[in-house]
Amino acid sequence: MGCERSEPHLRVTDQTRRPRGAPTPCPSLQREGGNWTMTHPLSGFPPALIRRLVIKIGSALLVDPDGQVRTDWLRTLVDDVAGRVAAGQQVIIVSSGAIALGARRLKLPKGGRGSLEDAQAAAATGQIALSQCWASLLAERGITAAQMLVTLDDLENRRRYLNASATLERLMALGVVPVVNENDSVATAEIRFGDNDRLAARIGQAARADAVALLSDVDGLYTANPHVDASAMLIETIETIDDAIMAMADGGSASGMGSGGMVSKIQAAKIATGAGAHLAILSGKVDAPLAHWANGGKGSIFLAAPAKGARKGWLAGRLTTLGRVVVDAGAERALGKGNSLLPAGVARVEGLFERGDVVDIVAQDGRVIARGLIEYDSEAAAKIAGRRSEEIAALLGEMHRSVLIHRDHMAMV
């Protein structure tokens, strides 16, 4: 079924989630100054189209440079959330700010980020204040808040990931708004998200959210850094995250308070869209930022790709792996057609891993093309690399599987 009305010279790819048989959402025109501009049907992530939404708030938006909560602004955001909850949208909040709040209370230099120990102490202290703030403001609007603290390993470990998913599901069924943050009090430099953009995307995946909104100090993805390049242009809709899109990213955090820049936001977009969720980047500098966006404010939307199965989505969205399997061109083509990875197509094996660990599958030019659960440990995998499946038993003395990574345990990335 096509769009019920049409506008000349306007084309919007329809990737919104709507009931089967419902009309395709159409772009609309809005008057802006002397010009007409197109509004995407997903702008504002309306509750009618987005059943479940993850909202990420960065440190610089929530905490002022003196380490105080920006309560007046936060109350306008809570009003946004309350309006969406009243309209039937389920909301999950991913909130930064614990380290910034704790650093002020402990009088730590460099915003509490001078050392890992300082960051952990600041997070432990600030998290209490942060959760109290959210609970109090949401309670003013008759909403119950719940706190969830997670680490990278919680979402990389399949069993703990499923536990987190089940907890989120139950909280939302009870009408609660979960407030999630990385547990920086126990996270290490080696095992942590490092920014809440990617955490928000992984939480969206675990919660089976329809969309993720990243509130930022910029109002979307630009062709260049708008803080330093006056000619930078906003890209409102991104259908595919390719090398050209990645090249537009800037790695730094503009405020110096947080840890995420545009690179982390695009990485988050890859995780979210790969899990079948749309992701938006919009400015949080205005009051009621979600309402502002819904009423014509600027923003960039990365449109969701077809959703992978739950297990494959978890594999594709992982941020850590324990090894690499480099494959030849023939194997790369075979994987692209949905086949399993056979030992014969493997050029070499890198890293130390056990059977059942997650590894990257890498092309000859270094591109990560897939990720999967490997059937052999690193020593055995190296022995059978490049050999026919019929030779496995003779080489190893036994054969668990004729494949190195089965297609059911593999996700293309």
Protein backbone atom coordinates (compact mmCIF):
# COMPACT_ATOMS: atom_id res chain seq x y z
CA MET A 1 0.00 0.00 0.00
CA GLY A 2 1.41 3.37 -0.95
CA CYS A 3 1.32 6.78 0.66
CA GLU A 4 -2.22 8.14 0.90
CA ARG A 5 -1.12 11.53 -0.37
CA SER A 6 1.94 12.63 -2.25
CA GLU A 7 4.00 15.75 -2.68
CA PRO A 8 5.94 16.37 -5.89
CA HIS A 9 9.68 15.79 -5.77
CA LEU A 10 9.57 14.40 -2.20
CA ARG A 11 10.74 10.89 -1.46
CA VAL A 12 11.11 9.33 1.98
CA THR A 13 12.16 5.74 2.49
CA ASP A 14 9.46 4.16 4.65
CA GLN A 15 11.13 2.25 7.48
CA THR A 16 8.73 3.17 10.26
CA ARG A 17 7.09 0.41 12.25
CA ARG A 18 3.36 0.40 11.65
CA PRO A 19 0.56 -2.14 11.92
CA ARG A 20 0.22 -4.54 9.00
CA GLY A 21 -2.02 -3.01 6.35
CA ALA A 22 -1.77 0.52 7.71
CA PRO A 23 -1.01 3.34 5.25
CA THR A 24 2.59 4.32 4.69
CA PRO A 25 3.52 7.39 6.78
CA CYS A 26 4.04 10.38 4.55
CA PRO A 27 6.42 13.30 4.71
CA SER A 28 4.80 16.61 5.55
CA LEU A 29 5.73 20.15 4.69
CA GLN A 30 6.31 22.88 7.25
CA ARG A 31 6.78 26.59 6.70
CA GLU A 32 10.19 27.76 7.96
CA GLY A 33 10.92 31.39 7.22
CA GLY A 34 10.33 31.84 3.49
CA ASN A 35 10.91 28.20 2.64
CA TRP A 36 9.05 24.92 2.86
CA THR A 37 10.94 22.11 4.57
CA MET A 38 10.19 18.39 4.70
CA THR A 39 9.37 16.71 8.01
CA HIS A 40 10.15 13.00 8.28
CA PRO A 41 7.29 10.93 9.76
CA LEU A 42 9.68 9.68 12.44
CA SER A 43 10.65 13.18 13.60
CA GLY A 44 10.11 13.38 17.32
CA PHE A 45 9.76 9.58 17.55
CA PRO A 46 5.98 9.86 18.04
CA PRO A 47 4.36 7.39 20.45
CA ALA A 48 1.99 6.27 17.70
CA LEU A 49 4.95 4.84 15.74
CA ILE A 50 7.55 4.23 18.45
CA ARG A 51 6.26 1.96 21.20
CA ARG A 52 9.49 1.79 23.22
CA LEU A 53 12.11 4.56 23.34
CA VAL A 54 15.55 4.83 24.95
CA ILE A 55 16.67 8.38 25.78
CA LYS A 56 20.34 9.07 26.54
CA ILE A 57 21.40 12.22 28.39
CA GLY A 58 25.03 13.28 28.46
CA SER A 59 26.94 14.71 31.42
CA ALA A 60 27.27 18.20 29.95
CA LEU A 61 23.50 18.50 29.65
CA LEU A 62 22.68 17.21 33.11
CA VAL A 63 25.51 18.77 35.15
CA ASP A 64 26.77 22.35 34.91
CA PRO A 65 30.51 23.21 34.92
CA ASP A 66 30.37 23.70 38.72
CA GLY A 67 29.18 20.13 39.24
CA GLN A 68 25.55 21.01 40.05
CA VAL A 69 22.52 19.31 38.51
CA ARG A 70 20.75 21.54 35.98
CA THR A 71 17.45 20.93 37.76
CA ASP A 72 15.33 23.48 35.84
CA TRP A 73 16.35 22.00 32.48
CA LEU A 74 16.00 18.43 33.73
CA ARG A 75 12.46 19.15 34.89
CA THR A 76 11.52 20.13 31.33
CA LEU A 77 12.94 16.83 30.08
CA VAL A 78 10.96 14.94 32.71
CA ASP A 79 7.86 16.78 31.46
CA ASP A 80 8.75 15.44 27.99
CA VAL A 81 9.03 11.92 29.38
CA ALA A 82 5.77 12.19 31.33
CA GLY A 83 3.90 13.30 28.23
CA ARG A 84 5.20 10.32 26.29
CA VAL A 85 4.38 7.87 29.07
CA ALA A 86 0.85 9.31 29.21
CA ALA A 87 0.57 8.76 25.45
CA GLY A 88 1.47 5.08 25.87
CA GLN A 89 5.16 5.17 24.99
CA GLN A 90 7.49 3.12 27.19
CA VAL A 91 10.64 5.06 28.08
CA ILE A 92 14.06 3.97 29.30
CA ILE A 93 16.55 6.64 30.38
CA VAL A 94 20.31 6.18 30.04
CA SER A 95 21.82 8.91 32.17
CA SER A 96 25.40 10.08 32.50
CA GLY A 97 26.47 12.44 35.26
CA ALA A 98 27.52 10.29 38.22
CA ILE A 99 31.25 10.99 37.86
CA ALA A 100 30.69 14.72 37.34
CA LEU A 101 28.43 14.96 40.40
CA GLY A 102 30.71 12.84 42.58
CA ALA A 103 33.83 14.76 41.59
CA ARG A 104 32.35 17.98 42.94
CA ARG A 105 31.35 16.40 46.23
CA LEU A 106 34.78 14.83 46.68
CA LYS A 107 36.62 17.92 45.34
CA LEU A 108 38.53 15.79 42.83
CA PRO A 109 40.58 17.46 40.08
CA LYS A 110 39.90 17.07 36.34
CA GLY A 111 36.24 16.35 36.94
CA GLY A 112 37.07 13.07 38.63
CA ARG A 113 38.76 11.68 35.54
CA GLY A 114 42.36 12.21 36.61
CA SER A 115 42.78 8.51 37.32
CA LEU A 116 40.78 5.30 37.23
CA GLU A 117 40.60 5.29 41.03
CA ASP A 118 39.27 8.87 41.11
CA ALA A 119 36.64 8.03 38.48
CA GLN A 120 35.51 4.96 40.42
CA ALA A 121 35.27 6.91 43.69
CA ALA A 122 33.44 9.80 42.01
CA ALA A 123 30.99 7.41 40.34
CA ALA A 124 30.23 5.61 43.59
CA THR A 125 29.53 8.93 45.32
CA GLY A 126 27.70 10.65 42.49
CA GLN A 127 25.44 7.76 41.58
CA ILE A 128 23.44 8.18 44.79
CA ALA A 129 22.78 11.85 44.03
CA LEU A 130 21.96 11.08 40.40
CA SER A 131 19.42 8.36 41.20
CA GLN A 132 17.79 10.51 43.89
CA CYS A 133 17.43 13.36 41.42
CA TRP A 134 15.74 11.22 38.79
CA ALA A 135 13.49 9.48 41.31
CA SER A 136 12.36 12.78 42.83
CA LEU A 137 11.58 14.55 39.54
CA LEU A 138 9.80 11.56 38.02
CA ALA A 139 7.79 11.11 41.23
CA GLU A 140 6.56 14.70 40.85
CA ARG A 141 4.87 13.51 37.67
CA GLY A 142 3.51 10.34 39.25
CA ILE A 143 6.11 8.06 37.65
CA THR A 144 8.12 5.42 39.52
CA ALA A 145 11.83 5.24 38.65
CA ALA A 146 14.12 2.22 38.90
CA GLN A 147 17.92 2.21 38.86
CA MET A 148 19.97 -0.25 36.82
CA LEU A 149 23.77 -0.19 36.86
CA VAL A 150 25.48 -2.35 34.25
CA THR A 151 29.01 -3.01 33.05
CA LEU A 152 30.25 -3.85 29.57
CA ASP A 153 30.70 -7.45 30.65
CA ASP A 154 27.07 -7.64 31.78
CA LEU A 155 25.92 -7.05 28.21
CA GLU A 156 28.71 -9.00 26.49
CA ASN A 157 27.99 -12.14 28.53
CA ARG A 158 24.99 -13.83 26.95
CA ARG A 159 23.39 -15.06 30.19
CA ARG A 160 23.72 -11.72 32.00
CA TYR A 161 22.51 -9.92 28.87
CA LEU A 162 19.33 -12.02 28.93
CA ASN A 163 18.92 -11.30 32.65
CA ALA A 164 19.18 -7.55 31.99
CA SER A 165 16.70 -7.88 29.14
CA ALA A 166 14.21 -9.71 31.37
CA THR A 167 14.54 -7.09 34.12
CA LEU A 168 13.89 -4.24 31.68
CA GLU A 169 10.89 -6.05 30.26
CA ARG A 170 9.36 -6.58 33.69
CA LEU A 171 9.96 -2.99 34.82
CA MET A 172 8.26 -1.59 31.74
CA ALA A 173 5.35 -4.00 32.12
CA LEU A 174 4.92 -2.51 35.62
CA GLY A 175 4.86 1.05 34.22
CA VAL A 176 8.26 1.94 35.68
CA VAL A 177 10.84 4.16 33.94
CA PRO A 178 14.26 2.46 34.27
CA VAL A 179 17.22 4.83 34.69
CA VAL A 180 20.37 3.08 33.47
CA ASN A 181 24.03 4.02 33.83
CA GLU A 182 27.35 2.25 33.46
CA ASN A 183 28.62 0.99 36.81
CA ASP A 184 31.79 3.07 36.69
CA SER A 185 32.57 2.28 40.34
CA VAL A 186 33.74 -1.21 39.29
CA ALA A 187 34.47 -0.74 35.58
CA THR A 188 38.10 -0.75 34.46
CA ALA A 189 39.83 0.98 31.58
CA GLU A 190 39.94 -2.33 29.70
CA ILE A 191 36.39 -3.48 30.38
CA ARG A 192 33.99 -0.55 30.04
CA PHE A 193 31.80 1.15 27.47
CA GLY A 194 33.65 4.42 27.97
CA ASP A 195 30.64 6.41 26.77
CA ASN A 196 26.90 6.14 27.24
CA ASP A 197 26.08 6.45 23.54
CA ARG A 198 26.99 2.84 22.87
CA LEU A 199 25.53 1.79 26.22
CA ALA A 200 22.21 3.35 25.17
CA ALA A 201 22.28 1.42 21.90
CA ARG A 202 23.01 -1.87 23.67
CA ILE A 203 20.28 -1.19 26.23
CA GLY A 204 17.93 -0.46 23.34
CA GLN A 205 18.87 -3.80 21.85
CA ALA A 206 18.39 -5.64 25.15
CA ALA A 207 15.03 -3.94 25.68
CA ARG A 208 13.90 -4.53 22.09
CA ALA A 209 13.33 -0.79 21.74
CA ASP A 210 11.95 0.74 18.56
CA ALA A 211 14.21 3.79 18.77
CA VAL A 212 17.07 5.45 20.64
CA ALA A 213 17.42 9.23 21.07
CA LEU A 214 20.85 10.63 21.93
CA LEU A 215 20.58 14.11 23.47
CA SER A 216 23.81 15.89 22.65
CA ASP A 217 25.57 19.25 22.52
CA VAL A 218 25.01 19.25 18.73
CA ASP A 219 21.71 18.93 16.88
CA GLY A 220 22.70 16.08 14.58
CA LEU A 221 25.31 14.73 12.20
CA TYR A 222 27.00 17.39 10.09
CA THR A 223 29.23 17.13 7.07
CA ALA A 224 31.96 18.64 9.28
CA ASN A 225 32.29 19.77 12.90
CA PRO A 226 29.86 22.72 13.15
CA HIS A 227 31.78 24.16 16.11
CA VAL A 228 34.77 24.91 13.89
CA ASP A 229 33.40 24.88 10.31
CA ALA A 230 30.70 27.41 9.45
CA SER A 231 29.96 25.65 6.15
CA ALA A 232 29.01 22.37 7.84
CA MET A 233 25.59 21.06 6.76
CA LEU A 234 23.16 18.95 8.78
CA ILE A 235 22.30 15.49 7.44
CA GLU A 236 18.73 14.84 8.52
CA THR A 237 18.28 11.21 7.41
CA ILE A 238 20.92 8.49 7.12
CA GLU A 239 19.88 5.19 5.54
CA THR A 240 23.30 3.51 5.40
CA ILE A 241 26.35 4.01 7.62
CA ASP A 242 29.22 3.80 5.15
CA ASP A 243 32.79 5.10 5.02
CA ALA A 244 31.61 8.54 3.93
CA ILE A 245 29.40 8.86 7.01
CA MET A 246 32.17 7.64 9.31
CA ALA A 247 34.54 10.22 7.80
CA MET A 248 32.24 13.02 8.98
CA ALA A 249 32.66 12.08 12.63
CA ASP A 250 34.73 14.01 15.14
CA GLY A 251 36.22 11.93 17.95
CA GLY A 252 36.14 14.44 20.79
CA SER A 253 33.54 15.45 23.34
CA ALA A 254 32.89 19.16 22.89
CA SER A 255 32.21 19.85 26.55
CA GLY A 256 35.26 18.12 27.99
CA MET A 257 32.93 16.76 30.69
CA GLY A 258 31.73 13.59 28.99
CA SER A 259 33.55 10.88 27.10
CA GLY A 260 31.57 10.57 23.88
CA GLY A 261 32.01 12.36 20.55
CA MET A 262 30.43 11.89 17.14
CA VAL A 263 32.45 8.72 16.52
CA SER A 264 30.80 7.02 19.49
CA LYS A 265 27.38 8.22 18.34
CA ILE A 266 27.82 6.69 14.89
CA GLN A 267 29.08 3.48 16.48
CA ALA A 268 25.94 3.53 18.62
CA ALA A 269 23.88 4.05 15.48
CA LYS A 270 25.44 0.96 13.90
CA ILE A 271 24.50 -1.12 16.95
CA ALA A 272 20.96 0.26 17.18
CA THR A 273 20.09 0.13 13.49
CA GLY A 274 21.57 -3.36 13.22
CA ALA A 275 19.18 -4.39 15.98
CA GLY A 276 16.20 -2.96 14.08
CA ALA A 277 15.91 0.32 16.01
CA HIS A 278 16.06 3.86 14.64
CA LEU A 279 18.56 6.21 16.30
CA ALA A 280 18.41 9.98 16.46
CA ILE A 281 20.98 12.59 17.43
CA LEU A 282 19.45 15.86 18.57
CA SER A 283 20.32 18.86 20.68
CA GLY A 284 19.64 18.75 24.39
CA LYS A 285 20.61 22.39 24.87
CA VAL A 286 17.01 23.56 24.56
CA ASP A 287 14.28 23.09 27.16
CA ALA A 288 11.97 20.12 26.58
CA PRO A 289 14.31 18.82 23.84
CA LEU A 290 12.06 15.99 22.67
CA ALA A 291 9.04 18.27 22.31
CA HIS A 292 11.26 20.80 20.55
CA TRP A 293 12.35 18.16 18.03
CA ALA A 294 8.81 16.89 17.54
CA ASN A 295 7.68 20.44 16.75
CA GLY A 296 10.17 20.98 13.94
CA GLY A 297 13.53 21.18 15.69
CA LYS A 298 16.65 19.86 14.02
CA GLY A 299 17.94 16.33 14.34
CA SER A 300 19.50 13.45 12.43
CA ILE A 301 17.79 10.07 12.16
CA PHE A 302 19.66 6.87 11.32
CA LEU A 303 17.01 4.56 9.90
CA ALA A 304 16.78 1.01 11.19
CA ALA A 305 18.02 -1.88 9.12
CA PRO A 306 16.01 -5.12 8.98
CA ALA A 307 16.23 -6.60 12.45
CA LYS A 308 18.43 -9.64 13.03
CA GLY A 309 17.30 -12.47 15.28
CA ALA A 310 17.87 -11.90 19.00
CA ARG A 311 21.00 -14.03 19.21
CA LYS A 312 22.52 -12.66 16.01
CA GLY A 313 21.70 -9.11 17.06
CA TRP A 314 23.53 -9.66 20.34
CA LEU A 315 26.54 -11.01 18.43
CA ALA A 316 26.61 -8.13 15.93
CA GLY A 317 26.28 -5.51 18.67
CA ARG A 318 29.11 -6.80 20.83
CA LEU A 319 31.95 -4.38 21.54
CA THR A 320 34.56 -6.97 22.52
CA THR A 321 35.82 -10.19 20.94
CA LEU A 322 38.59 -12.60 21.92
CA GLY A 323 40.20 -13.33 18.58
CA ARG A 324 40.21 -12.92 14.81
CA VAL A 325 39.81 -15.41 11.99
CA VAL A 326 41.15 -14.04 8.71
CA VAL A 327 39.41 -15.53 5.66
CA ASP A 328 40.16 -15.60 1.93
CA ALA A 329 38.05 -13.98 -0.79
CA GLY A 330 36.16 -17.19 -1.55
CA ALA A 331 35.12 -17.62 2.05
CA GLU A 332 34.05 -13.96 2.23
CA ARG A 333 31.75 -14.48 -0.75
CA ALA A 334 30.35 -17.68 0.76
CA LEU A 335 29.61 -15.94 4.07
CA GLY A 336 27.82 -13.16 2.20
CA LYS A 337 25.48 -15.83 0.78
CA GLY A 338 24.61 -17.09 4.25
CA ASN A 339 26.95 -20.08 4.45
CA SER A 340 28.89 -21.34 7.47
CA LEU A 341 32.64 -20.74 7.74
CA LEU A 342 34.63 -23.83 6.79
CA PRO A 343 38.27 -24.34 7.83
CA ALA A 344 39.32 -24.41 4.19
CA GLY A 345 38.50 -20.72 3.78
CA VAL A 346 40.63 -19.57 6.72
CA ALA A 347 44.00 -17.94 5.98
CA ARG A 348 45.13 -17.55 9.59
CA VAL A 349 43.94 -17.34 13.20
CA GLU A 350 44.85 -14.56 15.64
CA GLY A 351 44.45 -14.31 19.42
CA LEU A 352 43.83 -16.76 22.24
CA PHE A 353 40.32 -18.10 22.71
CA GLU A 354 38.35 -21.13 23.82
CA ARG A 355 35.63 -23.08 22.08
CA GLY A 356 32.39 -21.08 22.27
CA ASP A 357 34.08 -17.67 22.51
CA VAL A 358 33.07 -14.82 20.22
CA VAL A 359 35.57 -13.95 17.48
CA ASP A 360 35.68 -11.53 14.57
CA ILE A 361 35.75 -12.84 11.02
CA VAL A 362 38.04 -10.57 9.05
CA ALA A 363 38.61 -10.09 5.31
CA GLN A 364 42.07 -9.97 3.77
CA ASP A 365 42.04 -6.15 3.81
CA GLY A 366 41.32 -6.06 7.57
CA ARG A 367 37.58 -5.36 7.44
CA VAL A 368 35.48 -7.09 10.08
CA ILE A 369 32.76 -8.76 8.01
CA ALA A 370 31.12 -11.01 10.61
CA ARG A 371 31.19 -12.14 14.21
CA GLY A 372 30.43 -15.55 15.62
CA LEU A 373 30.82 -18.30 18.21
CA ILE A 374 33.77 -20.46 17.26
CA GLU A 375 33.63 -24.26 17.43
CA TYR A 376 37.33 -24.82 18.23
CA ASP A 377 39.86 -23.18 20.53
CA SER A 378 42.63 -21.03 19.06
CA GLU A 379 45.23 -23.82 19.02
CA ALA A 380 42.95 -26.29 17.24
CA ALA A 381 41.61 -23.60 14.88
CA ALA A 382 45.16 -22.72 13.81
CA LYS A 383 45.90 -26.38 13.08
CA ILE A 384 42.91 -26.86 10.78
CA ALA A 385 43.04 -23.43 9.09
CA GLY A 386 43.14 -23.87 5.32
CA ARG A 387 42.39 -27.60 5.52
CA ARG A 388 39.38 -29.56 4.29
CA SER A 389 36.71 -30.56 6.82
CA GLU A 390 37.43 -34.23 6.10
CA GLU A 391 40.93 -33.74 7.53
CA ILE A 392 39.83 -32.38 10.93
CA ALA A 393 39.65 -35.72 12.76
CA ALA A 394 43.09 -36.79 11.53
CA LEU A 395 44.63 -33.43 12.47
CA LEU A 396 43.03 -33.13 15.93
CA GLY A 397 42.17 -36.69 16.86
CA GLU A 398 38.47 -35.77 17.02
CA MET A 399 35.93 -33.59 15.21
CA HIS A 400 33.38 -31.48 17.08
CA ARG A 401 31.99 -29.93 13.92
CA SER A 402 32.81 -29.87 10.23
CA VAL A 403 32.56 -26.06 10.32
CA LEU A 404 34.66 -23.53 12.20
CA ILE A 405 31.72 -21.17 12.79
CA HIS A 406 28.16 -22.27 12.01
CA ARG A 407 25.89 -19.82 10.22
CA ASP A 408 23.31 -20.08 13.03
CA HIS A 409 25.93 -18.72 15.44
CA MET A 410 27.21 -15.96 13.15
CA ALA A 411 26.11 -12.39 12.40
CA MET A 412 27.26 -10.32 9.44
CA VAL A 413 28.36 -6.83 10.41
